[in-house]
Amino acid sequence: MRKIRKAAMAASAVALIGGTVVVATAPSASATDRVNRCGSSYHFKKSWPIQNVWGSDTEGRTVGYIDVYWSPSAGKNCAVGRPKNGIYKPNHIKVRVVKSGSGNWDQDGYGNENYKKFAGPVYAKARGACINIEAGFDYNNSWDRAEAWGSYEKKHCS
């Protein structure tokens, strides 16, 4: 009887350890994960960082991303601005994109909107050209407000 009890306890311990490993490696879902919101013909190219530009304890830290997609069939780039997972109370998220050298920005979140999960998609027709992208948002940084921004010129040249 003692051998059976020891074997059962050992099997339970192995099962418990195995279950812990599965739980520890499970991915966490969030509304700010990268998701293609541009359309089925758009393919992800790259994310550029949105960094904290004002806030006491996180200055210079990456707190979000500008995700860029490309559709060869449409000849357009698409951009979405989003905070990183775990950023506390993001709001007023905005994003914009333009063909480099053009002044015709397509933008989202610059009006009365108060986006809290993402802004975009926005599009720029830029076959054979580069794009400029910008995005940012405000958020609560521990006890005070913080601001994040990212601005890039001549990126994703198609």
Protein backbone atom coordinates (compact mmCIF):
# COMPACT_ATOMS: atom_id res chain seq x y z
CA MET A 1 0.00 0.00 0.00
CA ARG A 2 2.87 2.36 0.84
CA LYS A 3 4.42 1.86 -2.67
CA ILE A 4 1.09 2.65 -4.36
CA ARG A 5 0.69 5.86 -2.31
CA LYS A 6 4.27 7.00 -3.19
CA ALA A 7 3.66 6.26 -6.89
CA ALA A 8 0.37 8.20 -6.82
CA MET A 9 2.04 11.18 -5.11
CA ALA A 10 4.88 11.18 -7.65
CA ALA A 11 2.42 11.06 -10.56
CA SER A 12 0.42 13.93 -9.02
CA ALA A 13 3.57 16.02 -8.62
CA VAL A 14 4.58 15.42 -12.25
CA ALA A 15 1.07 16.32 -13.44
CA LEU A 16 1.08 19.46 -11.30
CA ILE A 17 4.48 20.57 -12.62
CA GLY A 18 3.39 19.87 -16.21
CA GLY A 19 0.19 21.84 -15.69
CA THR A 20 2.15 24.77 -14.29
CA VAL A 21 4.40 24.85 -17.34
CA VAL A 22 1.37 24.92 -19.67
CA VAL A 23 -0.23 27.76 -17.74
CA ALA A 24 3.01 29.75 -17.56
CA THR A 25 3.59 29.57 -21.31
CA ALA A 26 0.03 30.39 -22.42
CA PRO A 27 -0.10 33.67 -24.41
CA SER A 28 -2.07 36.57 -23.00
CA ALA A 29 -4.70 38.24 -25.15
CA SER A 30 -5.17 41.99 -25.25
CA ALA A 31 -7.10 44.56 -27.23
CA THR A 32 -3.77 46.17 -28.16
CA ASP A 33 -2.21 43.14 -29.86
CA ARG A 34 -1.23 43.65 -33.50
CA VAL A 35 -4.26 42.84 -35.67
CA ASN A 36 -4.61 43.46 -39.42
CA ARG A 37 -7.40 46.04 -39.59
CA CYS A 38 -6.44 47.16 -43.11
CA GLY A 39 -8.05 44.45 -45.23
CA SER A 40 -7.33 40.99 -46.57
CA SER A 41 -5.04 42.17 -49.39
CA TYR A 42 -2.75 43.96 -46.89
CA HIS A 43 0.32 42.19 -45.53
CA PHE A 44 2.19 43.20 -42.38
CA LYS A 45 5.58 44.85 -43.05
CA LYS A 46 6.93 46.33 -39.81
CA SER A 47 6.10 48.05 -36.51
CA TRP A 48 7.79 51.31 -35.53
CA PRO A 49 7.92 52.28 -31.84
CA ILE A 50 5.84 54.94 -30.15
CA GLN A 51 7.92 56.17 -27.23
CA ASN A 52 7.15 58.05 -24.08
CA VAL A 53 8.08 61.71 -24.58
CA TRP A 54 6.70 63.09 -21.35
CA GLY A 55 6.22 61.29 -18.05
CA SER A 56 8.41 60.98 -15.00
CA ASP A 57 9.33 57.31 -14.78
CA THR A 58 9.01 56.00 -18.34
CA GLU A 59 10.67 58.66 -20.52
CA GLY A 60 12.11 57.17 -23.71
CA ARG A 61 10.47 53.77 -23.17
CA THR A 62 8.52 52.12 -26.01
CA VAL A 63 4.85 52.20 -25.01
CA GLY A 64 3.16 51.55 -28.37
CA TYR A 65 3.60 50.83 -32.06
CA ILE A 66 2.75 52.08 -35.53
CA ASP A 67 1.97 48.97 -37.56
CA VAL A 68 2.48 49.31 -41.33
CA TYR A 69 0.90 47.05 -43.94
CA TRP A 70 1.26 46.96 -47.73
CA SER A 71 -1.13 45.85 -50.49
CA PRO A 72 0.65 45.21 -53.79
CA SER A 73 -2.69 44.95 -55.62
CA ALA A 74 -3.92 48.34 -54.33
CA GLY A 75 -0.48 49.99 -54.35
CA LYS A 76 -1.24 51.40 -50.90
CA ASN A 77 0.29 51.40 -47.45
CA CYS A 78 -1.89 51.20 -44.36
CA ALA A 79 -1.02 52.30 -40.81
CA VAL A 80 -2.56 51.57 -37.41
CA GLY A 81 -1.46 53.19 -34.13
CA ARG A 82 -1.79 51.18 -30.92
CA PRO A 83 -0.51 51.19 -27.34
CA LYS A 84 1.59 48.28 -26.12
CA ASN A 85 0.01 45.62 -23.89
CA GLY A 86 -0.21 46.74 -20.27
CA ILE A 87 -0.18 50.51 -20.85
CA TYR A 88 -2.51 52.02 -18.25
CA LYS A 89 -5.53 53.97 -19.55
CA PRO A 90 -4.44 55.01 -23.05
CA ASN A 91 -6.64 57.64 -24.69
CA HIS A 92 -6.76 60.09 -27.57
CA ILE A 93 -4.88 57.62 -29.79
CA LYS A 94 -4.13 59.10 -33.21
CA VAL A 95 -2.33 57.97 -36.37
CA ARG A 96 -1.55 59.43 -39.79
CA VAL A 97 0.27 58.46 -42.99
CA VAL A 98 1.31 60.28 -46.16
CA LYS A 99 3.32 59.56 -49.29
CA SER A 100 6.72 61.22 -48.69
CA GLY A 101 6.86 64.59 -50.43
CA SER A 102 3.07 64.93 -50.49
CA GLY A 103 1.04 67.03 -48.07
CA ASN A 104 -2.11 64.92 -48.18
CA TRP A 105 -2.12 63.09 -44.83
CA ASP A 106 -4.76 60.46 -44.17
CA GLN A 107 -5.38 60.62 -40.44
CA ASP A 108 -7.57 59.21 -37.69
CA GLY A 109 -8.05 60.39 -34.10
CA TYR A 110 -7.25 64.08 -34.69
CA GLY A 111 -10.86 65.24 -34.27
CA ASN A 112 -13.28 64.81 -31.41
CA GLU A 113 -12.67 61.05 -31.24
CA ASN A 114 -11.18 59.56 -28.10
CA TYR A 115 -9.86 56.19 -29.20
CA LYS A 116 -8.67 54.02 -26.32
CA LYS A 117 -7.56 50.80 -28.09
CA PHE A 118 -6.18 51.82 -31.50
CA ALA A 119 -6.48 54.43 -34.27
CA GLY A 120 -6.72 53.72 -37.97
CA PRO A 121 -6.57 52.20 -40.39
CA VAL A 122 -5.30 55.06 -42.55
CA TYR A 123 -4.02 54.70 -46.13
CA ALA A 124 -1.48 56.26 -48.50
CA LYS A 125 -1.15 55.45 -52.19
CA ALA A 126 2.62 55.11 -52.51
CA ARG A 127 3.64 52.59 -55.16
CA GLY A 128 7.30 53.24 -55.97
CA ALA A 129 7.60 55.77 -53.12
CA CYS A 130 8.21 56.00 -49.38
CA ILE A 131 5.79 57.01 -46.63
CA ASN A 132 5.90 59.20 -43.54
CA ILE A 133 4.04 57.92 -40.47
CA GLU A 134 3.12 59.42 -37.11
CA ALA A 135 1.11 58.20 -34.12
CA GLY A 136 0.71 58.98 -30.45
CA PHE A 137 -1.51 58.97 -27.40
CA ASP A 138 -1.86 60.06 -23.78
CA TYR A 139 -1.98 57.62 -20.87
CA ASN A 140 -1.80 57.49 -17.09
CA ASN A 141 1.71 56.83 -15.88
CA SER A 142 1.40 55.65 -12.26
CA TRP A 143 -0.02 58.80 -10.64
CA ASP A 144 0.33 61.38 -13.45
CA ARG A 145 -0.42 61.79 -17.15
CA ALA A 146 2.16 60.75 -19.73
CA GLU A 147 2.43 61.36 -23.47
CA ALA A 148 3.81 59.12 -26.20
CA TRP A 149 4.69 59.89 -29.81
CA GLY A 150 6.40 58.35 -32.82
CA SER A 151 7.23 60.12 -36.09
CA TYR A 152 9.14 58.58 -39.02
CA GLU A 153 10.02 59.86 -42.49
CA LYS A 154 10.75 57.94 -45.67
CA LYS A 155 9.82 54.49 -44.36
CA HIS A 156 8.61 51.37 -46.14
CA CYS A 157 9.71 52.42 -49.60
CA SER A 158 7.90 50.20 -52.08
